[in-house]
């Protein structure tokens, strides 16, 4: 089961999504590949950003991995330090 709620203003949107495999953080904190926080950034064109992201050491999932949620096409990416982020194209 997946549930979500959100806050929105004219300039930003915060959406909280609870997934079935959500888990509490550990003490002390350890680096994990699946963090409970994922930043999402608006993009005019996901594919136009792909070469820029790769040039700076990150990567996006393949185009076939895109999905739709709350009115936008979405895709996950990984920054040079391994943190997961998301691009949203409305």
N, C-alpha and C. Protein backbone atom coordinates (compact mmCIF):
# COMPACT_ATOMS: atom_id res chain seq x y z
N UNK A 1 0.84 -1.17 0.00
CA UNK A 1 0.00 0.00 0.00
C UNK A 1 0.89 1.24 0.00
N UNK A 2 0.48 2.25 -0.75
CA UNK A 2 1.23 3.50 -0.81
C UNK A 2 0.26 4.65 -0.53
N UNK A 3 0.64 5.53 0.38
CA UNK A 3 -0.18 6.69 0.72
C UNK A 3 0.67 7.94 0.55
N UNK A 4 0.02 9.06 0.25
CA UNK A 4 0.77 10.30 0.14
C UNK A 4 -0.10 11.48 0.58
N UNK A 5 0.58 12.54 0.95
CA UNK A 5 -0.08 13.82 1.24
C UNK A 5 0.91 14.90 0.84
N UNK A 6 0.45 16.13 0.75
CA UNK A 6 1.36 17.15 0.29
C UNK A 6 1.02 18.55 0.77
N UNK A 7 2.00 19.40 0.65
CA UNK A 7 1.88 20.84 0.89
C UNK A 7 2.28 21.54 -0.40
N UNK A 8 1.59 22.62 -0.74
CA UNK A 8 1.89 23.29 -1.99
C UNK A 8 1.72 24.79 -1.84
N UNK A 9 2.58 25.53 -2.52
CA UNK A 9 2.47 26.98 -2.62
C UNK A 9 2.58 27.32 -4.10
N UNK A 10 2.49 28.58 -4.47
CA UNK A 10 2.65 28.92 -5.88
C UNK A 10 4.04 28.58 -6.44
N UNK A 11 5.06 28.45 -5.59
CA UNK A 11 6.42 28.23 -6.08
C UNK A 11 7.03 26.88 -5.74
N UNK A 12 6.41 26.07 -4.89
CA UNK A 12 6.98 24.77 -4.56
C UNK A 12 5.91 23.79 -4.14
N UNK A 13 6.27 22.51 -4.15
CA UNK A 13 5.38 21.44 -3.71
C UNK A 13 6.19 20.42 -2.92
N UNK A 14 5.70 20.04 -1.75
CA UNK A 14 6.32 19.00 -0.93
C UNK A 14 5.33 17.85 -0.85
N UNK A 15 5.72 16.68 -1.33
CA UNK A 15 4.86 15.51 -1.27
C UNK A 15 5.54 14.46 -0.40
N UNK A 16 4.83 13.96 0.59
CA UNK A 16 5.31 12.90 1.46
C UNK A 16 4.66 11.60 1.01
N UNK A 17 5.47 10.60 0.71
CA UNK A 17 4.96 9.31 0.22
C UNK A 17 5.40 8.23 1.20
N UNK A 18 4.43 7.45 1.69
CA UNK A 18 4.73 6.33 2.58
C UNK A 18 4.63 5.05 1.76
N UNK A 19 5.69 4.26 1.78
CA UNK A 19 5.69 3.01 1.04
C UNK A 19 5.66 1.84 2.01
N UNK A 20 5.37 0.69 1.48
CA UNK A 20 5.25 -0.51 2.32
C UNK A 20 6.57 -0.87 2.99
N UNK A 21 7.70 -0.54 2.36
CA UNK A 21 8.99 -0.91 2.93
C UNK A 21 9.66 0.24 3.67
N UNK A 22 8.88 1.23 4.13
CA UNK A 22 9.45 2.34 4.89
C UNK A 22 10.06 1.79 6.18
N UNK A 23 11.18 2.40 6.59
CA UNK A 23 11.83 1.94 7.83
C UNK A 23 12.41 3.13 8.56
N UNK A 24 12.55 2.98 9.84
CA UNK A 24 13.11 4.05 10.66
C UNK A 24 14.60 4.15 10.44
N UNK A 25 15.18 5.31 10.68
CA UNK A 25 16.62 5.47 10.57
C UNK A 25 17.30 4.79 11.75
N UNK A 26 18.55 4.46 11.57
CA UNK A 26 19.31 3.76 12.60
C UNK A 26 20.11 4.75 13.42
N UNK A 27 20.56 4.33 14.56
CA UNK A 27 21.38 5.18 15.45
C UNK A 27 22.64 4.41 15.79
N UNK A 28 23.85 4.83 15.47
CA UNK A 28 24.13 6.05 14.70
C UNK A 28 23.76 5.87 13.23
N UNK A 29 23.62 6.98 12.54
CA UNK A 29 23.23 6.95 11.13
C UNK A 29 24.28 6.24 10.29
N UNK A 30 23.82 5.43 9.35
CA UNK A 30 24.71 4.76 8.39
C UNK A 30 24.30 5.16 6.99
N UNK A 31 25.27 5.15 6.10
CA UNK A 31 24.97 5.47 4.71
C UNK A 31 24.16 4.33 4.10
N UNK A 32 23.05 4.67 3.47
CA UNK A 32 22.23 3.65 2.83
C UNK A 32 21.86 4.12 1.42
N UNK A 33 21.62 3.17 0.57
CA UNK A 33 21.25 3.52 -0.80
C UNK A 33 19.78 3.92 -0.91
N UNK A 34 18.96 3.49 0.04
CA UNK A 34 17.54 3.86 0.03
C UNK A 34 17.25 4.70 1.26
N UNK A 35 17.25 6.00 1.09
CA UNK A 35 17.02 6.93 2.18
C UNK A 35 15.54 7.32 2.22
N UNK A 36 15.01 7.69 3.37
CA UNK A 36 13.61 8.10 3.42
C UNK A 36 13.35 9.47 2.80
N UNK A 37 14.40 10.15 2.35
CA UNK A 37 14.25 11.46 1.73
C UNK A 37 14.79 11.39 0.30
N UNK A 38 13.99 11.86 -0.64
CA UNK A 38 14.44 11.96 -2.03
C UNK A 38 14.02 13.33 -2.55
N UNK A 39 14.98 14.14 -2.94
CA UNK A 39 14.69 15.46 -3.48
C UNK A 39 14.21 15.32 -4.92
N UNK A 40 13.18 16.10 -5.27
CA UNK A 40 12.66 16.11 -6.64
C UNK A 40 12.78 17.53 -7.18
N UNK A 41 13.27 17.62 -8.42
CA UNK A 41 13.51 18.91 -9.05
C UNK A 41 12.69 19.03 -10.33
N UNK A 42 12.07 20.19 -10.53
CA UNK A 42 11.33 20.45 -11.75
C UNK A 42 12.31 20.56 -12.92
N UNK A 43 11.94 19.99 -14.05
CA UNK A 43 12.79 20.03 -15.24
C UNK A 43 11.92 20.34 -16.44
N UNK A 44 12.36 21.30 -17.25
CA UNK A 44 11.63 21.60 -18.48
C UNK A 44 11.69 20.41 -19.44
N UNK A 45 12.84 19.72 -19.45
CA UNK A 45 13.02 18.54 -20.30
C UNK A 45 13.98 17.58 -19.62
N UNK A 46 13.49 16.41 -19.25
CA UNK A 46 14.35 15.41 -18.61
C UNK A 46 15.49 15.02 -19.54
N UNK A 47 15.18 14.73 -20.79
CA UNK A 47 16.21 14.25 -21.72
C UNK A 47 17.25 15.33 -22.02
N UNK A 48 16.88 16.60 -21.97
CA UNK A 48 17.86 17.67 -22.20
C UNK A 48 18.87 17.73 -21.05
N UNK A 49 18.47 17.31 -19.85
CA UNK A 49 19.38 17.34 -18.70
C UNK A 49 20.29 16.11 -18.61
N UNK A 50 19.93 15.03 -19.29
CA UNK A 50 20.70 13.78 -19.19
C UNK A 50 22.19 14.00 -19.46
N UNK A 51 22.61 14.63 -20.58
CA UNK A 51 24.04 14.80 -20.83
C UNK A 51 24.73 15.67 -19.78
N UNK A 52 24.06 16.69 -19.29
CA UNK A 52 24.64 17.56 -18.26
C UNK A 52 24.88 16.79 -16.97
N UNK A 53 23.91 15.99 -16.57
CA UNK A 53 24.05 15.19 -15.34
C UNK A 53 25.20 14.20 -15.49
N UNK A 54 25.28 13.53 -16.65
CA UNK A 54 26.37 12.56 -16.87
C UNK A 54 27.73 13.24 -16.93
N UNK A 55 27.78 14.43 -17.51
CA UNK A 55 29.05 15.17 -17.60
C UNK A 55 29.58 15.52 -16.21
N UNK A 56 28.70 15.69 -15.24
CA UNK A 56 29.11 16.05 -13.89
C UNK A 56 29.19 14.84 -12.95
N UNK A 57 29.17 13.62 -13.51
CA UNK A 57 29.40 12.43 -12.71
C UNK A 57 28.16 11.74 -12.17
N UNK A 58 26.98 12.22 -12.51
CA UNK A 58 25.75 11.56 -12.10
C UNK A 58 25.19 10.71 -13.21
N UNK A 59 24.02 10.14 -12.98
CA UNK A 59 23.36 9.39 -14.04
C UNK A 59 21.86 9.33 -13.78
N UNK A 60 21.11 9.20 -14.85
CA UNK A 60 19.67 9.01 -14.78
C UNK A 60 19.34 7.58 -15.15
N UNK A 61 18.24 7.08 -14.64
CA UNK A 61 17.74 5.77 -15.06
C UNK A 61 17.43 5.84 -16.56
N UNK A 62 17.33 4.70 -17.24
CA UNK A 62 16.99 4.73 -18.66
C UNK A 62 15.62 5.39 -18.88
N UNK A 63 15.42 5.97 -20.06
CA UNK A 63 14.17 6.67 -20.37
C UNK A 63 12.95 5.76 -20.15
N UNK A 64 13.09 4.48 -20.38
CA UNK A 64 11.98 3.53 -20.21
C UNK A 64 11.53 3.42 -18.75
N UNK A 65 12.35 3.89 -17.82
CA UNK A 65 12.02 3.79 -16.40
C UNK A 65 11.15 4.95 -15.91
N UNK A 66 10.82 5.91 -16.79
CA UNK A 66 9.99 7.04 -16.38
C UNK A 66 8.59 6.57 -16.01
N UNK A 67 7.96 7.29 -15.08
CA UNK A 67 6.58 7.00 -14.70
C UNK A 67 5.85 8.31 -14.45
N UNK A 68 4.54 8.25 -14.38
CA UNK A 68 3.71 9.43 -14.13
C UNK A 68 3.16 9.41 -12.72
N UNK A 69 3.15 10.58 -12.07
CA UNK A 69 2.61 10.73 -10.73
C UNK A 69 2.28 12.19 -10.51
N UNK A 70 1.10 12.49 -10.05
CA UNK A 70 0.65 13.85 -9.74
C UNK A 70 0.89 14.84 -10.88
N UNK A 71 0.58 14.43 -12.07
CA UNK A 71 0.63 15.32 -13.21
C UNK A 71 1.97 15.52 -13.87
N UNK A 72 2.97 14.75 -13.51
CA UNK A 72 4.29 14.92 -14.12
C UNK A 72 4.94 13.61 -14.47
N UNK A 73 5.80 13.63 -15.49
CA UNK A 73 6.65 12.48 -15.80
C UNK A 73 7.84 12.55 -14.87
N UNK A 74 8.22 11.42 -14.29
CA UNK A 74 9.28 11.38 -13.28
C UNK A 74 10.32 10.33 -13.63
N UNK A 75 11.54 10.63 -13.20
CA UNK A 75 12.62 9.66 -13.36
C UNK A 75 13.61 9.88 -12.22
N UNK A 76 14.18 8.80 -11.73
CA UNK A 76 15.18 8.89 -10.68
C UNK A 76 16.57 9.00 -11.28
N UNK A 77 17.44 9.63 -10.52
CA UNK A 77 18.84 9.76 -10.90
C UNK A 77 19.71 9.56 -9.67
N UNK A 78 21.01 9.47 -9.90
CA UNK A 78 21.98 9.30 -8.82
C UNK A 78 23.02 10.39 -8.98
N UNK A 79 23.31 11.12 -7.89
CA UNK A 79 24.34 12.15 -7.96
C UNK A 79 25.71 11.50 -7.80
N UNK A 80 26.82 12.25 -7.97
CA UNK A 80 28.15 11.65 -7.90
C UNK A 80 28.48 10.98 -6.56
N UNK A 81 27.76 11.32 -5.50
CA UNK A 81 28.00 10.69 -4.19
C UNK A 81 27.07 9.52 -3.94
N UNK A 82 26.21 9.17 -4.90
CA UNK A 82 25.32 8.04 -4.74
C UNK A 82 23.95 8.36 -4.17
N UNK A 83 23.67 9.65 -3.94
CA UNK A 83 22.35 10.04 -3.42
C UNK A 83 21.32 10.00 -4.54
N UNK A 84 20.14 9.47 -4.25
CA UNK A 84 19.07 9.40 -5.23
C UNK A 84 18.30 10.71 -5.25
N UNK A 85 18.01 11.19 -6.46
CA UNK A 85 17.16 12.36 -6.64
C UNK A 85 16.16 12.05 -7.74
N UNK A 86 15.23 12.95 -7.96
CA UNK A 86 14.20 12.73 -8.97
C UNK A 86 14.03 13.99 -9.80
N UNK A 87 13.81 13.83 -11.09
CA UNK A 87 13.44 14.93 -11.96
C UNK A 87 11.97 14.77 -12.33
N UNK A 88 11.27 15.92 -12.38
CA UNK A 88 9.84 15.94 -12.70
C UNK A 88 9.62 16.88 -13.86
N UNK A 89 9.08 16.35 -14.94
CA UNK A 89 8.75 17.16 -16.11
C UNK A 89 7.24 17.26 -16.20
N UNK A 90 6.72 18.46 -16.07
CA UNK A 90 5.26 18.66 -16.14
C UNK A 90 4.79 18.73 -17.57
